[in-house]
PDB file of N, CA and C in Angstrom:
ATOM      1  N   UNK A   1      93.096  75.710  73.136  1.00  0.00           N
ATOM      2  CA  UNK A   1      93.959  76.711  72.360  1.00  0.00           C
ATOM      3  C   UNK A   1      93.192  77.925  72.066  1.00  0.00           C
ATOM      4  N   UNK A   2      91.857  77.784  72.053  1.00  0.00           N
ATOM      5  CA  UNK A   2      91.079  79.010  71.675  1.00  0.00           C
ATOM      6  C   UNK A   2      91.224  80.070  72.658  1.00  0.00           C
ATOM      7  N   UNK A   3      91.129  79.762  73.942  1.00  0.00           N
ATOM      8  CA  UNK A   3      91.213  80.755  75.045  1.00  0.00           C
ATOM      9  C   UNK A   3      92.684  81.347  75.014  1.00  0.00           C
ATOM     10  N   UNK A   4      93.678  80.483  74.672  1.00  0.00           N
ATOM     11  CA  UNK A   4      95.086  80.929  74.653  1.00  0.00           C
ATOM     12  C   UNK A   4      95.183  81.978  73.548  1.00  0.00           C
ATOM     13  N   UNK A   5      94.622  81.672  72.337  1.00  0.00           N
ATOM     14  CA  UNK A   5      94.571  82.670  71.292  1.00  0.00           C
ATOM     15  C   UNK A   5      93.941  83.900  71.563  1.00  0.00           C
ATOM     16  N   UNK A   6      92.833  83.894  72.257  1.00  0.00           N
ATOM     17  CA  UNK A   6      92.155  85.125  72.703  1.00  0.00           C
ATOM     18  C   UNK A   6      93.066  85.929  73.630  1.00  0.00           C
ATOM     19  N   UNK A   7      93.676  85.262  74.536  1.00  0.00           N
ATOM     20  CA  UNK A   7      94.666  85.853  75.491  1.00  0.00           C
ATOM     21  C   UNK A   7      95.876  86.435  74.686  1.00  0.00           C
ATOM     22  N   UNK A   8      96.224  85.942  73.639  1.00  0.00           N
ATOM     23  CA  UNK A   8      97.367  86.361  72.771  1.00  0.00           C
ATOM     24  C   UNK A   8      96.895  87.746  72.204  1.00  0.00           C
ATOM     25  N   UNK A   9      95.574  87.844  71.928  1.00  0.00           N
ATOM     26  CA  UNK A   9      95.027  88.981  71.222  1.00  0.00           C
ATOM     27  C   UNK A   9      94.905  90.091  72.260  1.00  0.00           C
ATOM     28  N   UNK A  10      94.345  89.722  73.510  1.00  0.00           N
ATOM     29  CA  UNK A  10      94.123  90.698  74.563  1.00  0.00           C
ATOM     30  C   UNK A  10      94.406  89.996  75.841  1.00  0.00           C
ATOM     31  N   UNK A  11      95.567  90.327  76.457  1.00  0.00           N
ATOM     32  CA  UNK A  11      96.093  89.648  77.627  1.00  0.00           C
ATOM     33  C   UNK A  11      95.129  89.633  78.771  1.00  0.00           C
ATOM     34  N   UNK A  12      94.323  90.621  78.987  1.00  0.00           N
ATOM     35  CA  UNK A  12      93.430  90.725  80.064  1.00  0.00           C
ATOM     36  C   UNK A  12      91.975  90.322  79.809  1.00  0.00           C
ATOM     37  N   UNK A  13      91.765  89.657  78.661  1.00  0.00           N
ATOM     38  CA  UNK A  13      90.427  89.246  78.255  1.00  0.00           C
ATOM     39  C   UNK A  13      89.831  88.381  79.345  1.00  0.00           C
ATOM     40  N   UNK A  14      88.562  88.569  79.655  1.00  0.00           N
ATOM     41  CA  UNK A  14      87.892  87.733  80.555  1.00  0.00           C
ATOM     42  C   UNK A  14      86.814  86.951  79.773  1.00  0.00           C
ATOM     43  N   UNK A  15      87.191  85.654  79.563  1.00  0.00           N
ATOM     44  CA  UNK A  15      86.429  84.855  78.609  1.00  0.00           C
ATOM     45  C   UNK A  15      86.399  83.366  79.133  1.00  0.00           C
ATOM     46  N   UNK A  16      85.347  82.813  78.777  1.00  0.00           N
ATOM     47  CA  UNK A  16      85.203  81.284  79.016  1.00  0.00           C
ATOM     48  C   UNK A  16      84.842  80.656  77.587  1.00  0.00           C
ATOM     49  N   UNK A  17      85.547  79.593  77.228  1.00  0.00           N
ATOM     50  CA  UNK A  17      85.254  78.907  75.937  1.00  0.00           C
ATOM     51  C   UNK A  17      84.875  77.510  76.280  1.00  0.00           C
ATOM     52  N   UNK A  18      83.714  77.180  75.642  1.00  0.00           N
ATOM     53  CA  UNK A  18      83.098  75.833  75.790  1.00  0.00           C
ATOM     54  C   UNK A  18      83.196  75.134  74.480  1.00  0.00           C
ATOM     55  N   UNK A  19      84.126  74.217  74.256  1.00  0.00           N
ATOM     56  CA  UNK A  19      84.371  73.598  73.074  1.00  0.00           C
ATOM     57  C   UNK A  19      85.776  73.783  72.549  1.00  0.00           C
ATOM     58  N   UNK A  20      86.197  72.964  71.513  1.00  0.00           N
ATOM     59  CA  UNK A  20      87.536  72.984  71.006  1.00  0.00           C
ATOM     60  C   UNK A  20      87.593  73.404  69.553  1.00  0.00           C
ATOM     61  N   UNK A  21      86.484  73.623  68.902  1.00  0.00           N
ATOM     62  CA  UNK A  21      86.344  74.005  67.493  1.00  0.00           C
ATOM     63  C   UNK A  21      85.872  75.467  67.448  1.00  0.00           C
ATOM     64  N   UNK A  22      86.685  76.265  66.885  1.00  0.00           N
ATOM     65  CA  UNK A  22      86.308  77.736  66.854  1.00  0.00           C
ATOM     66  C   UNK A  22      85.107  77.983  66.099  1.00  0.00           C
ATOM     67  N   UNK A  23      84.748  77.202  65.211  1.00  0.00           N
ATOM     68  CA  UNK A  23      83.545  77.345  64.458  1.00  0.00           C
ATOM     69  C   UNK A  23      82.177  76.941  65.147  1.00  0.00           C
ATOM     70  N   UNK A  24      82.384  76.074  66.097  1.00  0.00           N
ATOM     71  CA  UNK A  24      81.202  75.649  66.837  1.00  0.00           C
ATOM     72  C   UNK A  24      81.191  75.849  68.367  1.00  0.00           C
ATOM     73  N   UNK A  25      82.313  76.377  68.882  1.00  0.00           N
ATOM     74  CA  UNK A  25      82.401  76.568  70.341  1.00  0.00           C
ATOM     75  C   UNK A  25      81.526  77.773  70.800  1.00  0.00           C
ATOM     76  N   UNK A  26      81.241  77.732  72.053  1.00  0.00           N
ATOM     77  CA  UNK A  26      80.558  78.943  72.637  1.00  0.00           C
ATOM     78  C   UNK A  26      81.635  79.704  73.397  1.00  0.00           C
ATOM     79  N   UNK A  27      81.649  81.034  73.021  1.00  0.00           N
ATOM     80  CA  UNK A  27      82.677  81.915  73.715  1.00  0.00           C
ATOM     81  C   UNK A  27      81.771  82.906  74.577  1.00  0.00           C
ATOM     82  N   UNK A  28      82.044  82.838  75.843  1.00  0.00           N
ATOM     83  CA  UNK A  28      81.328  83.753  76.718  1.00  0.00           C
ATOM     84  C   UNK A  28      82.318  84.863  77.134  1.00  0.00           C
ATOM     85  N   UNK A  29      81.988  86.087  76.767  1.00  0.00           N
ATOM     86  CA  UNK A  29      82.791  87.247  77.061  1.00  0.00           C
ATOM     87  C   UNK A  29      82.360  87.793  78.489  1.00  0.00           C
ATOM     88  N   UNK A  30      83.084  87.703  79.471  1.00  0.00           N
ATOM     89  CA  UNK A  30      82.777  88.253  80.825  1.00  0.00           C
ATOM     90  C   UNK A  30      82.983  89.711  80.872  1.00  0.00           C
ATOM     91  N   UNK A  31      83.790  90.266  79.924  1.00  0.00           N
ATOM     92  CA  UNK A  31      84.105  91.625  79.868  1.00  0.00           C
ATOM     93  C   UNK A  31      83.450  92.380  78.710  1.00  0.00           C
ATOM     94  N   UNK A  32      82.493  91.631  78.054  1.00  0.00           N
ATOM     95  CA  UNK A  32      81.724  92.161  76.904  1.00  0.00           C
ATOM     96  C   UNK A  32      82.537  92.404  75.667  1.00  0.00           C
ATOM     97  N   UNK A  33      83.807  91.733  75.633  1.00  0.00           N
ATOM     98  CA  UNK A  33      84.609  91.836  74.463  1.00  0.00           C
ATOM     99  C   UNK A  33      84.819  93.304  73.955  1.00  0.00           C
ATOM    100  N   UNK A  34      85.484  94.152  74.866  1.00  0.00           N
ATOM    101  CA  UNK A  34      85.591  95.570  74.507  1.00  0.00           C
ATOM    102  C   UNK A  34      86.336  95.953  73.325  1.00  0.00           C
ATOM    103  N   UNK A  35      87.247  95.013  72.875  1.00  0.00           N
ATOM    104  CA  UNK A  35      87.988  95.314  71.682  1.00  0.00           C
ATOM    105  C   UNK A  35      87.451  94.640  70.425  1.00  0.00           C
ATOM    106  N   UNK A  36      86.293  94.064  70.541  1.00  0.00           N
ATOM    107  CA  UNK A  36      85.563  93.387  69.444  1.00  0.00           C
ATOM    108  C   UNK A  36      86.371  92.344  68.661  1.00  0.00           C
ATOM    109  N   UNK A  37      87.009  91.499  69.376  1.00  0.00           N
ATOM    110  CA  UNK A  37      87.848  90.441  68.838  1.00  0.00           C
ATOM    111  C   UNK A  37      86.895  89.526  68.032  1.00  0.00           C
ATOM    112  N   UNK A  38      87.236  89.258  66.766  1.00  0.00           N
ATOM    113  CA  UNK A  38      86.367  88.433  65.819  1.00  0.00           C
ATOM    114  C   UNK A  38      86.964  86.965  65.780  1.00  0.00           C
ATOM    115  N   UNK A  39      86.040  86.038  65.406  1.00  0.00           N
ATOM    116  CA  UNK A  39      86.502  84.674  65.151  1.00  0.00           C
ATOM    117  C   UNK A  39      87.642  84.605  64.142  1.00  0.00           C
ATOM    118  N   UNK A  40      87.639  85.397  63.176  1.00  0.00           N
ATOM    119  CA  UNK A  40      88.747  85.543  62.192  1.00  0.00           C
ATOM    120  C   UNK A  40      90.031  85.785  62.800  1.00  0.00           C
ATOM    121  N   UNK A  41      90.123  86.755  63.722  1.00  0.00           N
ATOM    122  CA  UNK A  41      91.286  87.152  64.435  1.00  0.00           C
ATOM    123  C   UNK A  41      91.741  86.046  65.301  1.00  0.00           C
ATOM    124  N   UNK A  42      90.813  85.323  65.930  1.00  0.00           N
ATOM    125  CA  UNK A  42      91.118  84.175  66.722  1.00  0.00           C
ATOM    126  C   UNK A  42      91.750  83.024  65.947  1.00  0.00           C
ATOM    127  N   UNK A  43      91.133  82.812  64.732  1.00  0.00           N
ATOM    128  CA  UNK A  43      91.662  81.813  63.838  1.00  0.00           C
ATOM    129  C   UNK A  43      93.052  82.060  63.488  1.00  0.00           C
ATOM    130  N   UNK A  44      93.389  83.322  63.220  1.00  0.00           N
ATOM    131  CA  UNK A  44      94.746  83.714  62.846  1.00  0.00           C
ATOM    132  C   UNK A  44      95.754  83.575  64.061  1.00  0.00           C
ATOM    133  N   UNK A  45      95.275  83.905  65.278  1.00  0.00           N
ATOM    134  CA  UNK A  45      96.074  83.708  66.435  1.00  0.00           C
ATOM    135  C   UNK A  45      96.306  82.208  66.725  1.00  0.00           C
ATOM    136  N   UNK A  46      95.301  81.407  66.451  1.00  0.00           N
ATOM    137  CA  UNK A  46      95.452  80.009  66.748  1.00  0.00           C
ATOM    138  C   UNK A  46      96.550  79.471  65.700  1.00  0.00           C
ATOM    139  N   UNK A  47      96.422  79.839  64.391  1.00  0.00           N
ATOM    140  CA  UNK A  47      97.430  79.477  63.523  1.00  0.00           C
ATOM    141  C   UNK A  47      98.829  79.833  63.862  1.00  0.00           C
ATOM    142  N   UNK A  48      98.940  81.001  64.382  1.00  0.00           N
ATOM    143  CA  UNK A  48     100.354  81.463  64.804  1.00  0.00           C
ATOM    144  C   UNK A  48     100.739  80.696  65.973  1.00  0.00           C
ATOM    145  N   UNK A  49      99.917  80.406  66.948  1.00  0.00           N
ATOM    146  CA  UNK A  49     100.296  79.526  68.158  1.00  0.00           C
ATOM    147  C   UNK A  49     100.807  78.181  67.658  1.00  0.00           C
ATOM    148  N   UNK A  50      99.961  77.550  66.642  1.00  0.00           N
ATOM    149  CA  UNK A  50     100.364  76.242  66.211  1.00  0.00           C
ATOM    150  C   UNK A  50     101.659  76.281  65.578  1.00  0.00           C
ATOM    151  N   UNK A  51     101.841  77.341  64.702  1.00  0.00           N
ATOM    152  CA  UNK A  51     103.143  77.494  64.011  1.00  0.00           C
ATOM    153  C   UNK A  51     104.351  77.562  64.905  1.00  0.00           C
ATOM    154  N   UNK A  52     104.138  78.426  65.991  1.00  0.00           N
ATOM    155  CA  UNK A  52     105.140  78.525  66.997  1.00  0.00           C
ATOM    156  C   UNK A  52     105.398  77.261  67.698  1.00  0.00           C
ATOM    157  N   UNK A  53     104.356  76.487  68.051  1.00  0.00           N
ATOM    158  CA  UNK A  53     104.589  75.159  68.689  1.00  0.00           C
ATOM    159  C   UNK A  53     105.384  74.199  67.831  1.00  0.00           C
ATOM    160  N   UNK A  54     105.076  74.160  66.541  1.00  0.00           N
ATOM    161  CA  UNK A  54     105.752  73.363  65.593  1.00  0.00           C
ATOM    162  C   UNK A  54     107.235  73.744  65.420  1.00  0.00           C
ATOM    163  N   UNK A  55     107.517  74.987  65.488  1.00  0.00           N
ATOM    164  CA  UNK A  55     108.854  75.495  65.378  1.00  0.00           C
ATOM    165  C   UNK A  55     109.742  75.065  66.671  1.00  0.00           C
ATOM    166  N   UNK A  56     109.058  75.140  67.817  1.00  0.00           N
ATOM    167  CA  UNK A  56     109.680  74.807  69.031  1.00  0.00           C
ATOM    168  C   UNK A  56     109.941  73.279  69.071  1.00  0.00           C
ATOM    169  N   UNK A  57     108.952  72.434  68.542  1.00  0.00           N
ATOM    170  CA  UNK A  57     109.187  71.042  68.459  1.00  0.00           C
ATOM    171  C   UNK A  57     110.347  70.687  67.531  1.00  0.00           C
ATOM    172  N   UNK A  58     110.410  71.321  66.407  1.00  0.00           N
ATOM    173  CA  UNK A  58     111.518  71.149  65.443  1.00  0.00           C
ATOM    174  C   UNK A  58     112.817  71.481  66.027  1.00  0.00           C
ATOM    175  N   UNK A  59     112.883  72.602  66.780  1.00  0.00           N
ATOM    176  CA  UNK A  59     114.159  72.966  67.448  1.00  0.00           C
ATOM    177  C   UNK A  59     114.604  71.991  68.471  1.00  0.00           C
ATOM    178  N   UNK A  60     113.588  71.456  69.234  1.00  0.00           N
ATOM    179  CA  UNK A  60     113.931  70.533  70.258  1.00  0.00           C
ATOM    180  C   UNK A  60     114.490  69.235  69.656  1.00  0.00           C
ATOM    181  N   UNK A  61     113.912  68.881  68.562  1.00  0.00           N
ATOM    182  CA  UNK A  61     114.255  67.566  67.909  1.00  0.00           C
ATOM    183  C   UNK A  61     115.655  67.697  67.400  1.00  0.00           C
ATOM    184  N   UNK A  62     116.019  68.942  66.761  1.00  0.00           N
ATOM    185  CA  UNK A  62     117.397  69.119  66.221  1.00  0.00           C
ATOM    186  C   UNK A  62     118.412  69.050  67.357  1.00  0.00           C
ATOM    187  N   UNK A  63     118.073  69.666  68.590  1.00  0.00           N
ATOM    188  CA  UNK A  63     118.948  69.632  69.664  1.00  0.00           C
ATOM    189  C   UNK A  63     119.193  68.125  70.171  1.00  0.00           C
ATOM    190  N   UNK A  64     118.110  67.426  70.156  1.00  0.00           N
ATOM    191  CA  UNK A  64     118.185  66.040  70.643  1.00  0.00           C
ATOM    192  C   UNK A  64     119.062  65.178  69.649  1.00  0.00           C
ATOM    193  N   UNK A  65     118.854  65.416  68.342  1.00  0.00           N
ATOM    194  CA  UNK A  65     119.631  64.769  67.402  1.00  0.00           C
ATOM    195  C   UNK A  65     121.111  65.093  67.476  1.00  0.00           C
ATOM    196  N   UNK A  66     121.421  66.383  67.898  1.00  0.00           N
ATOM    197  CA  UNK A  66     122.754  66.853  68.013  1.00  0.00           C
ATOM    198  C   UNK A  66     123.416  66.177  69.193  1.00  0.00           C
ATOM    199  N   UNK A  67     122.638  65.806  70.233  1.00  0.00           N
ATOM    200  CA  UNK A  67     123.070  65.103  71.408  1.00  0.00           C
ATOM    201  C   UNK A  67     123.378  63.652  71.141  1.00  0.00           C
ATOM    202  N   UNK A  68     123.068  63.160  69.950  1.00  0.00           N
ATOM    203  CA  UNK A  68     123.210  61.795  69.585  1.00  0.00           C
ATOM    204  C   UNK A  68     122.043  60.770  69.682  1.00  0.00           C
ATOM    205  N   UNK A  69     120.903  61.294  69.985  1.00  0.00           N
ATOM    206  CA  UNK A  69     119.745  60.450  70.007  1.00  0.00           C
ATOM    207  C   UNK A  69     119.298  60.137  68.556  1.00  0.00           C
ATOM    208  N   UNK A  70     118.772  58.930  68.384  1.00  0.00           N
ATOM    209  CA  UNK A  70     118.236  58.626  67.076  1.00  0.00           C
ATOM    210  C   UNK A  70     116.805  59.164  66.900  1.00  0.00           C
ATOM    211  N   UNK A  71     116.397  59.178  65.629  1.00  0.00           N
ATOM    212  CA  UNK A  71     114.979  59.560  65.330  1.00  0.00           C
ATOM    213  C   UNK A  71     113.998  58.701  66.128  1.00  0.00           C
ATOM    214  N   UNK A  72     114.283  57.389  66.120  1.00  0.00           N
ATOM    215  CA  UNK A  72     113.472  56.438  66.758  1.00  0.00           C
ATOM    216  C   UNK A  72     113.368  56.815  68.175  1.00  0.00           C
ATOM    217  N   UNK A  73     114.496  56.971  68.864  1.00  0.00           N
ATOM    218  CA  UNK A  73     114.485  57.323  70.364  1.00  0.00           C
ATOM    219  C   UNK A  73     113.777  58.513  70.610  1.00  0.00           C
ATOM    220  N   UNK A  74     113.874  59.551  69.839  1.00  0.00           N
ATOM    221  CA  UNK A  74     113.250  60.813  70.023  1.00  0.00           C
ATOM    222  C   UNK A  74     111.709  60.586  69.939  1.00  0.00           C
ATOM    223  N   UNK A  75     111.333  59.929  68.854  1.00  0.00           N
ATOM    224  CA  UNK A  75     109.931  59.679  68.637  1.00  0.00           C
ATOM    225  C   UNK A  75     109.241  58.849  69.824  1.00  0.00           C
ATOM    226  N   UNK A  76     110.027  57.771  70.300  1.00  0.00           N
ATOM    227  CA  UNK A  76     109.365  56.963  71.340  1.00  0.00           C
ATOM    228  C   UNK A  76     109.425  57.661  72.580  1.00  0.00           C
ATOM    229  N   UNK A  77     110.401  58.467  72.925  1.00  0.00           N
ATOM    230  CA  UNK A  77     110.538  59.209  74.130  1.00  0.00           C
ATOM    231  C   UNK A  77     109.680  60.375  74.294  1.00  0.00           C
ATOM    232  N   UNK A  78     109.718  61.189  73.256  1.00  0.00           N
ATOM    233  CA  UNK A  78     109.222  62.517  73.196  1.00  0.00           C
ATOM    234  C   UNK A  78     107.963  62.725  72.341  1.00  0.00           C
ATOM    235  N   UNK A  79     107.732  61.796  71.445  1.00  0.00           N
ATOM    236  CA  UNK A  79     106.583  61.914  70.547  1.00  0.00           C
ATOM    237  C   UNK A  79     106.776  62.918  69.448  1.00  0.00           C
ATOM    238  N   UNK A  80     107.985  63.320  69.145  1.00  0.00           N
ATOM    239  CA  UNK A  80     108.279  64.351  68.125  1.00  0.00           C
ATOM    240  C   UNK A  80     109.064  63.682  66.989  1.00  0.00           C
TER     241      UNK A  80
END
């Protein structure tokens, strides 16, 4: 999700991320980070992406409930 957050901040960023924790991962900027993206900016972008993901899951669950599925069926089938 770190690379996705960086690309949210700069669509054409050329970067490799080694690790899953923003505080300990290695970020290799192949384009020398021309817009000086900071870890704090990446953390905010990660939070926004996670929030968007949760909103989409909640929306999907509401739609499935409206179709007549039970909470248990939704959880077992879709994990939400």
